[in-house]
PDB file of N, CA and C in Angstrom:
ATOM      1  N   UNK A   1      -0.876 -21.934 -21.333  1.00  0.00           N
ATOM      2  CA  UNK A   1      -0.798 -21.496 -19.960  1.00  0.00           C
ATOM      3  C   UNK A   1      -0.174 -20.110 -19.859  1.00  0.00           C
ATOM      4  N   UNK A   2       0.901 -19.865 -20.621  1.00  0.00           N
ATOM      5  CA  UNK A   2       1.568 -18.563 -20.592  1.00  0.00           C
ATOM      6  C   UNK A   2       0.625 -17.463 -21.086  1.00  0.00           C
ATOM      7  N   UNK A   3      -0.150 -17.766 -22.120  1.00  0.00           N
ATOM      8  CA  UNK A   3      -1.107 -16.790 -22.649  1.00  0.00           C
ATOM      9  C   UNK A   3      -2.159 -16.441 -21.600  1.00  0.00           C
ATOM     10  N   UNK A   4      -2.647 -17.445 -20.898  1.00  0.00           N
ATOM     11  CA  UNK A   4      -3.635 -17.236 -19.848  1.00  0.00           C
ATOM     12  C   UNK A   4      -3.073 -16.331 -18.750  1.00  0.00           C
ATOM     13  N   UNK A   5      -1.832 -16.583 -18.341  1.00  0.00           N
ATOM     14  CA  UNK A   5      -1.214 -15.774 -17.292  1.00  0.00           C
ATOM     15  C   UNK A   5      -1.002 -14.332 -17.750  1.00  0.00           C
ATOM     16  N   UNK A   6      -0.659 -14.142 -19.028  1.00  0.00           N
ATOM     17  CA  UNK A   6      -0.506 -12.795 -19.557  1.00  0.00           C
ATOM     18  C   UNK A   6      -1.836 -12.046 -19.545  1.00  0.00           C
ATOM     19  N   UNK A   7      -2.907 -12.742 -19.893  1.00  0.00           N
ATOM     20  CA  UNK A   7      -4.233 -12.126 -19.864  1.00  0.00           C
ATOM     21  C   UNK A   7      -4.620 -11.740 -18.440  1.00  0.00           C
ATOM     22  N   UNK A   8      -4.324 -12.590 -17.486  1.00  0.00           N
ATOM     23  CA  UNK A   8      -4.625 -12.285 -16.088  1.00  0.00           C
ATOM     24  C   UNK A   8      -3.802 -11.088 -15.602  1.00  0.00           C
ATOM     25  N   UNK A   9      -2.556 -11.009 -16.025  1.00  0.00           N
ATOM     26  CA  UNK A   9      -1.704  -9.881 -15.653  1.00  0.00           C
ATOM     27  C   UNK A   9      -2.261  -8.581 -16.224  1.00  0.00           C
ATOM     28  N   UNK A  10      -2.766  -8.619 -17.453  1.00  0.00           N
ATOM     29  CA  UNK A  10      -3.366  -7.426 -18.060  1.00  0.00           C
ATOM     30  C   UNK A  10      -4.610  -7.003 -17.294  1.00  0.00           C
ATOM     31  N   UNK A  11      -5.417  -7.969 -16.866  1.00  0.00           N
ATOM     32  CA  UNK A  11      -6.616  -7.651 -16.087  1.00  0.00           C
ATOM     33  C   UNK A  11      -6.231  -6.994 -14.765  1.00  0.00           C
ATOM     34  N   UNK A  12      -5.191  -7.504 -14.120  1.00  0.00           N
ATOM     35  CA  UNK A  12      -4.740  -6.920 -12.858  1.00  0.00           C
ATOM     36  C   UNK A  12      -4.204  -5.504 -13.066  1.00  0.00           C
ATOM     37  N   UNK A  13      -3.494  -5.287 -14.163  1.00  0.00           N
ATOM     38  CA  UNK A  13      -2.989  -3.947 -14.463  1.00  0.00           C
ATOM     39  C   UNK A  13      -4.135  -2.968 -14.673  1.00  0.00           C
ATOM     40  N   UNK A  14      -5.173  -3.398 -15.382  1.00  0.00           N
ATOM     41  CA  UNK A  14      -6.339  -2.532 -15.588  1.00  0.00           C
ATOM     42  C   UNK A  14      -7.043  -2.237 -14.268  1.00  0.00           C
ATOM     43  N   UNK A  15      -7.125  -3.231 -13.411  1.00  0.00           N
ATOM     44  CA  UNK A  15      -7.744  -3.036 -12.103  1.00  0.00           C
ATOM     45  C   UNK A  15      -6.924  -2.055 -11.269  1.00  0.00           C
ATOM     46  N   UNK A  16      -5.602  -2.194 -11.295  1.00  0.00           N
ATOM     47  CA  UNK A  16      -4.725  -1.277 -10.582  1.00  0.00           C
ATOM     48  C   UNK A  16      -4.907   0.143 -11.102  1.00  0.00           C
ATOM     49  N   UNK A  17      -4.986   0.299 -12.413  1.00  0.00           N
ATOM     50  CA  UNK A  17      -5.194   1.612 -13.023  1.00  0.00           C
ATOM     51  C   UNK A  17      -6.492   2.228 -12.509  1.00  0.00           C
ATOM     52  N   UNK A  18      -7.539   1.441 -12.461  1.00  0.00           N
ATOM     53  CA  UNK A  18      -8.832   1.928 -11.974  1.00  0.00           C
ATOM     54  C   UNK A  18      -8.745   2.356 -10.513  1.00  0.00           C
ATOM     55  N   UNK A  19      -8.125   1.542  -9.680  1.00  0.00           N
ATOM     56  CA  UNK A  19      -8.003   1.860  -8.254  1.00  0.00           C
ATOM     57  C   UNK A  19      -7.184   3.130  -8.060  1.00  0.00           C
ATOM     58  N   UNK A  20      -6.084   3.261  -8.793  1.00  0.00           N
ATOM     59  CA  UNK A  20      -5.256   4.456  -8.663  1.00  0.00           C
ATOM     60  C   UNK A  20      -6.017   5.702  -9.108  1.00  0.00           C
ATOM     61  N   UNK A  21      -6.832   5.588 -10.148  1.00  0.00           N
ATOM     62  CA  UNK A  21      -7.619   6.739 -10.594  1.00  0.00           C
ATOM     63  C   UNK A  21      -8.630   7.160  -9.540  1.00  0.00           C
ATOM     64  N   UNK A  22      -9.178   6.218  -8.814  1.00  0.00           N
ATOM     65  CA  UNK A  22     -10.138   6.554  -7.769  1.00  0.00           C
ATOM     66  C   UNK A  22      -9.468   7.312  -6.626  1.00  0.00           C
ATOM     67  N   UNK A  23      -8.177   7.120  -6.442  1.00  0.00           N
ATOM     68  CA  UNK A  23      -7.439   7.791  -5.379  1.00  0.00           C
ATOM     69  C   UNK A  23      -6.819   9.111  -5.842  1.00  0.00           C
ATOM     70  N   UNK A  24      -7.082   9.511  -7.063  1.00  0.00           N
ATOM     71  CA  UNK A  24      -6.521  10.725  -7.643  1.00  0.00           C
ATOM     72  C   UNK A  24      -7.195  11.953  -7.029  1.00  0.00           C
ATOM     73  N   UNK A  25      -6.401  12.895  -6.524  1.00  0.00           N
ATOM     74  CA  UNK A  25      -6.933  14.141  -5.982  1.00  0.00           C
ATOM     75  C   UNK A  25      -6.401  15.305  -6.796  1.00  0.00           C
ATOM     76  N   UNK A  26      -7.272  16.247  -7.096  1.00  0.00           N
ATOM     77  CA  UNK A  26      -6.914  17.381  -7.941  1.00  0.00           C
ATOM     78  C   UNK A  26      -5.792  18.206  -7.316  1.00  0.00           C
ATOM     79  N   UNK A  27      -5.782  18.336  -6.006  1.00  0.00           N
ATOM     80  CA  UNK A  27      -4.767  19.150  -5.326  1.00  0.00           C
ATOM     81  C   UNK A  27      -3.353  18.606  -5.520  1.00  0.00           C
ATOM     82  N   UNK A  28      -3.234  17.311  -5.784  1.00  0.00           N
ATOM     83  CA  UNK A  28      -1.916  16.694  -5.956  1.00  0.00           C
ATOM     84  C   UNK A  28      -1.662  16.269  -7.395  1.00  0.00           C
ATOM     85  N   UNK A  29      -2.368  16.843  -8.329  1.00  0.00           N
ATOM     86  CA  UNK A  29      -2.243  16.455  -9.740  1.00  0.00           C
ATOM     87  C   UNK A  29      -1.259  17.377 -10.456  1.00  0.00           C
ATOM     88  N   UNK A  30      -0.331  16.786 -11.170  1.00  0.00           N
ATOM     89  CA  UNK A  30       0.645  17.519 -11.962  1.00  0.00           C
ATOM     90  C   UNK A  30       0.689  16.888 -13.347  1.00  0.00           C
ATOM     91  N   UNK A  31       1.181  17.633 -14.318  1.00  0.00           N
ATOM     92  CA  UNK A  31       1.281  17.118 -15.676  1.00  0.00           C
ATOM     93  C   UNK A  31       2.753  16.943 -16.045  1.00  0.00           C
ATOM     94  N   UNK A  32       3.080  15.754 -16.518  1.00  0.00           N
ATOM     95  CA  UNK A  32       4.475  15.448 -16.837  1.00  0.00           C
ATOM     96  C   UNK A  32       4.902  16.155 -18.110  1.00  0.00           C
ATOM     97  N   UNK A  33       6.146  16.560 -18.121  1.00  0.00           N
ATOM     98  CA  UNK A  33       6.765  17.133 -19.314  1.00  0.00           C
ATOM     99  C   UNK A  33       7.493  16.047 -20.084  1.00  0.00           C
ATOM    100  N   UNK A  34       8.106  15.117 -19.345  1.00  0.00           N
ATOM    101  CA  UNK A  34       8.793  13.984 -19.967  1.00  0.00           C
ATOM    102  C   UNK A  34       8.882  12.855 -18.945  1.00  0.00           C
ATOM    103  N   UNK A  35       9.036  11.630 -19.464  1.00  0.00           N
ATOM    104  CA  UNK A  35       9.184  10.477 -18.588  1.00  0.00           C
ATOM    105  C   UNK A  35       9.952   9.388 -19.308  1.00  0.00           C
ATOM    106  N   UNK A  36      10.510   8.487 -18.526  1.00  0.00           N
ATOM    107  CA  UNK A  36      11.254   7.360 -19.061  1.00  0.00           C
ATOM    108  C   UNK A  36      11.453   6.338 -17.962  1.00  0.00           C
ATOM    109  N   UNK A  37      12.321   5.385 -18.193  1.00  0.00           N
ATOM    110  CA  UNK A  37      12.539   4.316 -17.239  1.00  0.00           C
ATOM    111  C   UNK A  37      13.252   4.738 -15.972  1.00  0.00           C
ATOM    112  N   UNK A  38      13.971   5.865 -16.010  1.00  0.00           N
ATOM    113  CA  UNK A  38      14.742   6.302 -14.848  1.00  0.00           C
ATOM    114  C   UNK A  38      14.016   7.338 -13.999  1.00  0.00           C
ATOM    115  N   UNK A  39      13.106   8.088 -14.619  1.00  0.00           N
ATOM    116  CA  UNK A  39      12.439   9.137 -13.862  1.00  0.00           C
ATOM    117  C   UNK A  39      11.513   9.950 -14.734  1.00  0.00           C
ATOM    118  N   UNK A  40      11.132  11.122 -14.228  1.00  0.00           N
ATOM    119  CA  UNK A  40      10.217  11.994 -14.949  1.00  0.00           C
ATOM    120  C   UNK A  40      10.455  13.439 -14.558  1.00  0.00           C
ATOM    121  N   UNK A  41       9.878  14.333 -15.318  1.00  0.00           N
ATOM    122  CA  UNK A  41       9.877  15.743 -14.953  1.00  0.00           C
ATOM    123  C   UNK A  41       8.456  16.260 -15.110  1.00  0.00           C
ATOM    124  N   UNK A  42       8.080  17.186 -14.233  1.00  0.00           N
ATOM    125  CA  UNK A  42       6.730  17.729 -14.282  1.00  0.00           C
ATOM    126  C   UNK A  42       6.739  19.205 -13.919  1.00  0.00           C
ATOM    127  N   UNK A  43       5.667  19.892 -14.321  1.00  0.00           N
ATOM    128  CA  UNK A  43       5.503  21.303 -14.025  1.00  0.00           C
ATOM    129  C   UNK A  43       4.739  21.458 -12.720  1.00  0.00           C
ATOM    130  N   UNK A  44       5.166  22.426 -11.919  1.00  0.00           N
ATOM    131  CA  UNK A  44       4.520  22.685 -10.637  1.00  0.00           C
ATOM    132  C   UNK A  44       4.424  24.192 -10.427  1.00  0.00           C
ATOM    133  N   UNK A  45       3.354  24.621  -9.783  1.00  0.00           N
ATOM    134  CA  UNK A  45       3.212  26.033  -9.452  1.00  0.00           C
ATOM    135  C   UNK A  45       4.010  26.398  -8.206  1.00  0.00           C
ATOM    136  N   UNK A  46       4.287  25.404  -7.359  1.00  0.00           N
ATOM    137  CA  UNK A  46       5.046  25.656  -6.140  1.00  0.00           C
ATOM    138  C   UNK A  46       6.327  24.821  -6.156  1.00  0.00           C
ATOM    139  N   UNK A  47       7.365  25.295  -5.455  1.00  0.00           N
ATOM    140  CA  UNK A  47       8.644  24.574  -5.486  1.00  0.00           C
ATOM    141  C   UNK A  47       8.632  23.322  -4.610  1.00  0.00           C
ATOM    142  N   UNK A  48       9.504  22.409  -4.963  1.00  0.00           N
ATOM    143  CA  UNK A  48       9.753  21.203  -4.166  1.00  0.00           C
ATOM    144  C   UNK A  48      11.182  21.276  -3.652  1.00  0.00           C
ATOM    145  N   UNK A  49      11.460  20.561  -2.583  1.00  0.00           N
ATOM    146  CA  UNK A  49      12.787  20.539  -1.981  1.00  0.00           C
ATOM    147  C   UNK A  49      13.617  19.415  -2.596  1.00  0.00           C
ATOM    148  N   UNK A  50      14.853  19.729  -2.951  1.00  0.00           N
ATOM    149  CA  UNK A  50      15.755  18.711  -3.491  1.00  0.00           C
ATOM    150  C   UNK A  50      15.941  17.586  -2.484  1.00  0.00           C
ATOM    151  N   UNK A  51      15.999  16.368  -2.972  1.00  0.00           N
ATOM    152  CA  UNK A  51      16.163  15.130  -2.215  1.00  0.00           C
ATOM    153  C   UNK A  51      14.898  14.704  -1.465  1.00  0.00           C
ATOM    154  N   UNK A  52      13.827  15.450  -1.600  1.00  0.00           N
ATOM    155  CA  UNK A  52      12.550  15.082  -0.989  1.00  0.00           C
ATOM    156  C   UNK A  52      12.023  13.805  -1.640  1.00  0.00           C
ATOM    157  N   UNK A  53      11.503  12.884  -0.850  1.00  0.00           N
ATOM    158  CA  UNK A  53      10.917  11.650  -1.365  1.00  0.00           C
ATOM    159  C   UNK A  53       9.441  11.906  -1.653  1.00  0.00           C
ATOM    160  N   UNK A  54       8.997  11.468  -2.833  1.00  0.00           N
ATOM    161  CA  UNK A  54       7.616  11.697  -3.253  1.00  0.00           C
ATOM    162  C   UNK A  54       6.967  10.390  -3.685  1.00  0.00           C
ATOM    163  N   UNK A  55       5.684  10.315  -3.492  1.00  0.00           N
ATOM    164  CA  UNK A  55       4.866   9.195  -3.956  1.00  0.00           C
ATOM    165  C   UNK A  55       4.381   9.565  -5.359  1.00  0.00           C
ATOM    166  N   UNK A  56       4.600   8.670  -6.313  1.00  0.00           N
ATOM    167  CA  UNK A  56       4.272   8.953  -7.703  1.00  0.00           C
ATOM    168  C   UNK A  56       3.170   8.014  -8.173  1.00  0.00           C
ATOM    169  N   UNK A  57       2.120   8.605  -8.727  1.00  0.00           N
ATOM    170  CA  UNK A  57       1.071   7.856  -9.418  1.00  0.00           C
ATOM    171  C   UNK A  57       1.038   8.430 -10.825  1.00  0.00           C
ATOM    172  N   UNK A  58       1.562   7.683 -11.765  1.00  0.00           N
ATOM    173  CA  UNK A  58       1.698   8.140 -13.140  1.00  0.00           C
ATOM    174  C   UNK A  58       0.682   7.425 -14.013  1.00  0.00           C
ATOM    175  N   UNK A  59      -0.206   8.199 -14.642  1.00  0.00           N
ATOM    176  CA  UNK A  59      -1.238   7.632 -15.505  1.00  0.00           C
ATOM    177  C   UNK A  59      -0.819   7.801 -16.959  1.00  0.00           C
ATOM    178  N   UNK A  60      -0.816   6.713 -17.704  1.00  0.00           N
ATOM    179  CA  UNK A  60      -0.451   6.727 -19.113  1.00  0.00           C
ATOM    180  C   UNK A  60      -1.730   6.638 -19.942  1.00  0.00           C
ATOM    181  N   UNK A  61      -2.165   7.761 -20.441  1.00  0.00           N
ATOM    182  CA  UNK A  61      -3.445   7.826 -21.147  1.00  0.00           C
ATOM    183  C   UNK A  61      -3.445   6.967 -22.409  1.00  0.00           C
ATOM    184  N   UNK A  62      -2.349   6.970 -23.152  1.00  0.00           N
ATOM    185  CA  UNK A  62      -2.297   6.231 -24.416  1.00  0.00           C
ATOM    186  C   UNK A  62      -2.351   4.724 -24.213  1.00  0.00           C
ATOM    187  N   UNK A  63      -1.780   4.248 -23.103  1.00  0.00           N
ATOM    188  CA  UNK A  63      -1.677   2.804 -22.864  1.00  0.00           C
ATOM    189  C   UNK A  63      -2.716   2.295 -21.882  1.00  0.00           C
ATOM    190  N   UNK A  64      -3.531   3.183 -21.334  1.00  0.00           N
ATOM    191  CA  UNK A  64      -4.480   2.822 -20.282  1.00  0.00           C
ATOM    192  C   UNK A  64      -3.754   2.107 -19.153  1.00  0.00           C
ATOM    193  N   UNK A  65      -2.587   2.595 -18.837  1.00  0.00           N
ATOM    194  CA  UNK A  65      -1.788   2.005 -17.771  1.00  0.00           C
ATOM    195  C   UNK A  65      -1.531   3.009 -16.674  1.00  0.00           C
ATOM    196  N   UNK A  66      -1.104   2.513 -15.545  1.00  0.00           N
ATOM    197  CA  UNK A  66      -0.760   3.369 -14.414  1.00  0.00           C
ATOM    198  C   UNK A  66       0.432   2.767 -13.681  1.00  0.00           C
ATOM    199  N   UNK A  67       1.236   3.633 -13.115  1.00  0.00           N
ATOM    200  CA  UNK A  67       2.414   3.205 -12.380  1.00  0.00           C
ATOM    201  C   UNK A  67       2.375   3.872 -11.005  1.00  0.00           C
ATOM    202  N   UNK A  68       2.602   3.085  -9.984  1.00  0.00           N
ATOM    203  CA  UNK A  68       2.705   3.589  -8.621  1.00  0.00           C
ATOM    204  C   UNK A  68       4.108   3.276  -8.135  1.00  0.00           C
ATOM    205  N   UNK A  69       4.820   4.300  -7.689  1.00  0.00           N
ATOM    206  CA  UNK A  69       6.183   4.082  -7.207  1.00  0.00           C
ATOM    207  C   UNK A  69       6.600   5.242  -6.307  1.00  0.00           C
ATOM    208  N   UNK A  70       7.821   5.188  -5.831  1.00  0.00           N
ATOM    209  CA  UNK A  70       8.394   6.266  -5.046  1.00  0.00           C
ATOM    210  C   UNK A  70       9.560   6.859  -5.812  1.00  0.00           C
ATOM    211  N   UNK A  71       9.679   8.172  -5.708  1.00  0.00           N
ATOM    212  CA  UNK A  71      10.757   8.873  -6.374  1.00  0.00           C
ATOM    213  C   UNK A  71      11.418   9.857  -5.434  1.00  0.00           C
ATOM    214  N   UNK A  72      12.492  10.449  -5.921  1.00  0.00           N
ATOM    215  CA  UNK A  72      13.218  11.448  -5.143  1.00  0.00           C
ATOM    216  C   UNK A  72      13.461  12.657  -6.039  1.00  0.00           C
ATOM    217  N   UNK A  73      13.220  13.846  -5.499  1.00  0.00           N
ATOM    218  CA  UNK A  73      13.398  15.083  -6.250  1.00  0.00           C
ATOM    219  C   UNK A  73      14.892  15.295  -6.489  1.00  0.00           C
ATOM    220  N   UNK A  74      15.263  15.397  -7.763  1.00  0.00           N
ATOM    221  CA  UNK A  74      16.651  15.696  -8.092  1.00  0.00           C
ATOM    222  C   UNK A  74      16.887  17.192  -8.115  1.00  0.00           C
ATOM    223  N   UNK A  75      15.946  17.907  -8.749  1.00  0.00           N
ATOM    224  CA  UNK A  75      16.090  19.355  -8.847  1.00  0.00           C
ATOM    225  C   UNK A  75      14.726  19.991  -9.053  1.00  0.00           C
ATOM    226  N   UNK A  76      14.681  21.270  -8.726  1.00  0.00           N
ATOM    227  CA  UNK A  76      13.467  22.066  -8.910  1.00  0.00           C
ATOM    228  C   UNK A  76      13.933  23.418  -9.433  1.00  0.00           C
ATOM    229  N   UNK A  77      13.674  23.679 -10.710  1.00  0.00           N
ATOM    230  CA  UNK A  77      14.197  24.873 -11.365  1.00  0.00           C
ATOM    231  C   UNK A  77      13.062  25.795 -11.780  1.00  0.00           C
ATOM    232  N   UNK A  78      13.265  27.113 -11.652  1.00  0.00           N
ATOM    233  CA  UNK A  78      12.242  28.045 -12.126  1.00  0.00           C
ATOM    234  C   UNK A  78      12.014  27.860 -13.629  1.00  0.00           C
ATOM    235  N   UNK A  79      10.751  27.908 -14.024  1.00  0.00           N
ATOM    236  CA  UNK A  79      10.376  27.752 -15.431  1.00  0.00           C
ATOM    237  C   UNK A  79       9.179  28.660 -15.703  1.00  0.00           C
ATOM    238  N   UNK A  80       8.673  28.617 -16.914  1.00  0.00           N
ATOM    239  CA  UNK A  80       7.509  29.421 -17.276  1.00  0.00           C
ATOM    240  C   UNK A  80       6.342  29.104 -16.354  1.00  0.00           C
ATOM    241  N   UNK A  81       5.804  30.118 -15.715  1.00  0.00           N
ATOM    242  CA  UNK A  81       4.623  29.987 -14.846  1.00  0.00           C
ATOM    243  C   UNK A  81       4.808  28.988 -13.709  1.00  0.00           C
ATOM    244  N   UNK A  82       6.001  28.864 -13.167  1.00  0.00           N
ATOM    245  CA  UNK A  82       6.185  27.954 -12.040  1.00  0.00           C
ATOM    246  C   UNK A  82       7.567  27.342 -12.001  1.00  0.00           C
ATOM    247  N   UNK A  83       7.581  26.019 -11.812  1.00  0.00           N
ATOM    248  CA  UNK A  83       8.840  25.293 -11.638  1.00  0.00           C
ATOM    249  C   UNK A  83       8.833  24.013 -12.467  1.00  0.00           C
ATOM    250  N   UNK A  84      10.012  23.605 -12.876  1.00  0.00           N
ATOM    251  CA  UNK A  84      10.193  22.305 -13.521  1.00  0.00           C
ATOM    252  C   UNK A  84      10.876  21.401 -12.501  1.00  0.00           C
ATOM    253  N   UNK A  85      10.198  20.320 -12.134  1.00  0.00           N
ATOM    254  CA  UNK A  85      10.673  19.415 -11.094  1.00  0.00           C
ATOM    255  C   UNK A  85      11.141  18.119 -11.747  1.00  0.00           C
ATOM    256  N   UNK A  86      12.365  17.713 -11.457  1.00  0.00           N
ATOM    257  CA  UNK A  86      12.939  16.479 -11.985  1.00  0.00           C
ATOM    258  C   UNK A  86      12.987  15.428 -10.888  1.00  0.00           C
ATOM    259  N   UNK A  87      12.465  14.246 -11.193  1.00  0.00           N
ATOM    260  CA  UNK A  87      12.345  13.162 -10.223  1.00  0.00           C
ATOM    261  C   UNK A  87      13.036  11.919 -10.768  1.00  0.00           C
ATOM    262  N   UNK A  88      13.771  11.223  -9.905  1.00  0.00           N
ATOM    263  CA  UNK A  88      14.351   9.927 -10.249  1.00  0.00           C
ATOM    264  C   UNK A  88      13.591   8.869  -9.458  1.00  0.00           C
ATOM    265  N   UNK A  89      13.298   7.750 -10.101  1.00  0.00           N
ATOM    266  CA  UNK A  89      12.571   6.681  -9.414  1.00  0.00           C
ATOM    267  C   UNK A  89      13.498   5.983  -8.429  1.00  0.00           C
ATOM    268  N   UNK A  90      12.999   5.752  -7.217  1.00  0.00           N
ATOM    269  CA  UNK A  90      13.772   5.070  -6.183  1.00  0.00           C
ATOM    270  C   UNK A  90      13.257   3.664  -5.927  1.00  0.00           C
ATOM    271  N   UNK A  91      11.957   3.486  -5.893  1.00  0.00           N
ATOM    272  CA  UNK A  91      11.372   2.155  -5.710  1.00  0.00           C
ATOM    273  C   UNK A  91      10.288   1.982  -6.767  1.00  0.00           C
ATOM    274  N   UNK A  92      10.560   1.108  -7.724  1.00  0.00           N
ATOM    275  CA  UNK A  92       9.634   0.877  -8.816  1.00  0.00           C
ATOM    276  C   UNK A  92       9.760  -0.584  -9.240  1.00  0.00           C
ATOM    277  N   UNK A  93       8.625  -1.196  -9.541  1.00  0.00           N
ATOM    278  CA  UNK A  93       8.669  -2.585 -10.019  1.00  0.00           C
ATOM    279  C   UNK A  93       9.321  -2.615 -11.406  1.00  0.00           C
ATOM    280  N   UNK A  94      10.040  -3.670 -11.677  1.00  0.00           N
ATOM    281  CA  UNK A  94      10.712  -3.793 -12.970  1.00  0.00           C
ATOM    282  C   UNK A  94       9.688  -3.802 -14.113  1.00  0.00           C
ATOM    283  N   UNK A  95       8.520  -4.413 -13.903  1.00  0.00           N
ATOM    284  CA  UNK A  95       7.467  -4.434 -14.922  1.00  0.00           C
ATOM    285  C   UNK A  95       6.980  -3.018 -15.229  1.00  0.00           C
ATOM    286  N   UNK A  96       6.877  -2.180 -14.188  1.00  0.00           N
ATOM    287  CA  UNK A  96       6.440  -0.800 -14.392  1.00  0.00           C
ATOM    288  C   UNK A  96       7.503   0.011 -15.122  1.00  0.00           C
ATOM    289  N   UNK A  97       8.763  -0.246 -14.810  1.00  0.00           N
ATOM    290  CA  UNK A  97       9.853   0.440 -15.513  1.00  0.00           C
ATOM    291  C   UNK A  97       9.807   0.089 -17.003  1.00  0.00           C
ATOM    292  N   UNK A  98       9.590  -1.186 -17.316  1.00  0.00           N
ATOM    293  CA  UNK A  98       9.490  -1.614 -18.713  1.00  0.00           C
ATOM    294  C   UNK A  98       8.290  -0.962 -19.400  1.00  0.00           C
ATOM    295  N   UNK A  99       7.170  -0.855 -18.682  1.00  0.00           N
ATOM    296  CA  UNK A  99       5.992  -0.194 -19.223  1.00  0.00           C
ATOM    297  C   UNK A  99       6.295   1.257 -19.576  1.00  0.00           C
ATOM    298  N   UNK A 100       7.003   1.955 -18.703  1.00  0.00           N
ATOM    299  CA  UNK A 100       7.362   3.345 -18.961  1.00  0.00           C
ATOM    300  C   UNK A 100       8.300   3.485 -20.145  1.00  0.00           C
ATOM    301  N   UNK A 101       9.251   2.585 -20.259  1.00  0.00           N
ATOM    302  CA  UNK A 101      10.182   2.619 -21.394  1.00  0.00           C
ATOM    303  C   UNK A 101       9.428   2.397 -22.694  1.00  0.00           C
ATOM    304  N   UNK A 102       8.547   1.398 -22.718  1.00  0.00           N
ATOM    305  CA  UNK A 102       7.757   1.141 -23.928  1.00  0.00           C
ATOM    306  C   UNK A 102       6.865   2.327 -24.274  1.00  0.00           C
ATOM    307  N   UNK A 103       6.213   2.890 -23.265  1.00  0.00           N
ATOM    308  CA  UNK A 103       5.317   4.025 -23.493  1.00  0.00           C
ATOM    309  C   UNK A 103       6.084   5.243 -24.011  1.00  0.00           C
ATOM    310  N   UNK A 104       7.267   5.497 -23.465  1.00  0.00           N
ATOM    311  CA  UNK A 104       8.052   6.647 -23.924  1.00  0.00           C
ATOM    312  C   UNK A 104       8.548   6.434 -25.356  1.00  0.00           C
ATOM    313  N   UNK A 105       8.916   5.201 -25.693  1.00  0.00           N
ATOM    314  CA  UNK A 105       9.326   4.912 -27.068  1.00  0.00           C
ATOM    315  C   UNK A 105       8.156   5.061 -28.043  1.00  0.00           C
ATOM    316  N   UNK A 106       6.976   4.634 -27.643  1.00  0.00           N
ATOM    317  CA  UNK A 106       5.793   4.806 -28.488  1.00  0.00           C
ATOM    318  C   UNK A 106       5.473   6.284 -28.676  1.00  0.00           C
ATOM    319  N   UNK A 107       5.609   7.076 -27.612  1.00  0.00           N
ATOM    320  CA  UNK A 107       5.366   8.517 -27.701  1.00  0.00           C
ATOM    321  C   UNK A 107       6.358   9.166 -28.652  1.00  0.00           C
ATOM    322  N   UNK A 108       7.625   8.796 -28.564  1.00  0.00           N
ATOM    323  CA  UNK A 108       8.636   9.332 -29.473  1.00  0.00           C
ATOM    324  C   UNK A 108       8.331   8.944 -30.908  1.00  0.00           C
ATOM    325  N   UNK A 109       7.880   7.715 -31.117  1.00  0.00           N
ATOM    326  CA  UNK A 109       7.530   7.257 -32.454  1.00  0.00           C
ATOM    327  C   UNK A 109       6.378   8.085 -33.024  1.00  0.00           C
ATOM    328  N   UNK A 110       5.364   8.357 -32.207  1.00  0.00           N
ATOM    329  CA  UNK A 110       4.238   9.183 -32.655  1.00  0.00           C
ATOM    330  C   UNK A 110       4.702  10.585 -33.022  1.00  0.00           C
ATOM    331  N   UNK A 111       5.596  11.154 -32.223  1.00  0.00           N
ATOM    332  CA  UNK A 111       6.104  12.493 -32.499  1.00  0.00           C
ATOM    333  C   UNK A 111       6.901  12.524 -33.798  1.00  0.00           C
ATOM    334  N   UNK A 112       7.704  11.490 -34.041  1.00  0.00           N
ATOM    335  CA  UNK A 112       8.470  11.427 -35.285  1.00  0.00           C
ATOM    336  C   UNK A 112       7.555  11.293 -36.502  1.00  0.00           C
ATOM    337  N   UNK A 113       6.491  10.501 -36.375  1.00  0.00           N
ATOM    338  CA  UNK A 113       5.540  10.363 -37.474  1.00  0.00           C
ATOM    339  C   UNK A 113       4.858  11.689 -37.780  1.00  0.00           C
ATOM    340  N   UNK A 114       4.492  12.421 -36.738  1.00  0.00           N
ATOM    341  CA  UNK A 114       3.852  13.720 -36.941  1.00  0.00           C
ATOM    342  C   UNK A 114       4.799  14.697 -37.643  1.00  0.00           C
ATOM    343  N   UNK A 115       6.067  14.698 -37.245  1.00  0.00           N
ATOM    344  CA  UNK A 115       7.045  15.569 -37.899  1.00  0.00           C
ATOM    345  C   UNK A 115       7.228  15.176 -39.357  1.00  0.00           C
ATOM    346  N   UNK A 116       7.255  13.887 -39.631  1.00  0.00           N
ATOM    347  CA  UNK A 116       7.414  13.406 -41.006  1.00  0.00           C
ATOM    348  C   UNK A 116       6.215  13.817 -41.860  1.00  0.00           C
ATOM    349  N   UNK A 117       5.022  13.749 -41.298  1.00  0.00           N
ATOM    350  CA  UNK A 117       3.804  14.125 -42.039  1.00  0.00           C
ATOM    351  C   UNK A 117       3.758  15.626 -42.303  1.00  0.00           C
ATOM    352  N   UNK A 118       4.340  16.426 -41.439  1.00  0.00           N
ATOM    353  CA  UNK A 118       4.323  17.874 -41.606  1.00  0.00           C
ATOM    354  C   UNK A 118       5.294  18.354 -42.669  1.00  0.00           C
ATOM    355  N   UNK A 119       6.227  17.508 -43.061  1.00  0.00           N
ATOM    356  CA  UNK A 119       7.224  17.900 -44.093  1.00  0.00           C
ATOM    357  C   UNK A 119       6.645  17.858 -45.451  1.00  0.00           C
TER     358      UNK A 119
END
C-alpha cells in the first residue's frame, strides 16, 4: 500500500511540474545561481525591492521536479550585467523543501565528482 501511494505521489508531482511549465512566461523567467531548503538566489537585469513578496516557480531540470511557493526578497545587490537577488522561502510545503535539499545535495555531489575527475 505504501509503495502504491508513493507511486501516486510521483505521478502527481510530474503532473504539477507539467502544469507549472505551461504557466511559464519568458518575461518572468530568471536563472538561479544557487538554491537550498531555505531560499535561493537568482540573476536579474532589473532590481527588486527588499522585503517584496514574490511568487516562485522553481523548475529542477535534473530531477524533473518543480516547486511552487512564496518567497520574500532579502537583498538585491549589483552584480555582473545586472543584480543578484536573494530570496528566502516564506510559504513552502515541507515535501518541496525536502525536494530542494535533496536536489541541492545531488548538485553538490555532481560538482565534487567533476572536480575529482579534473585532477
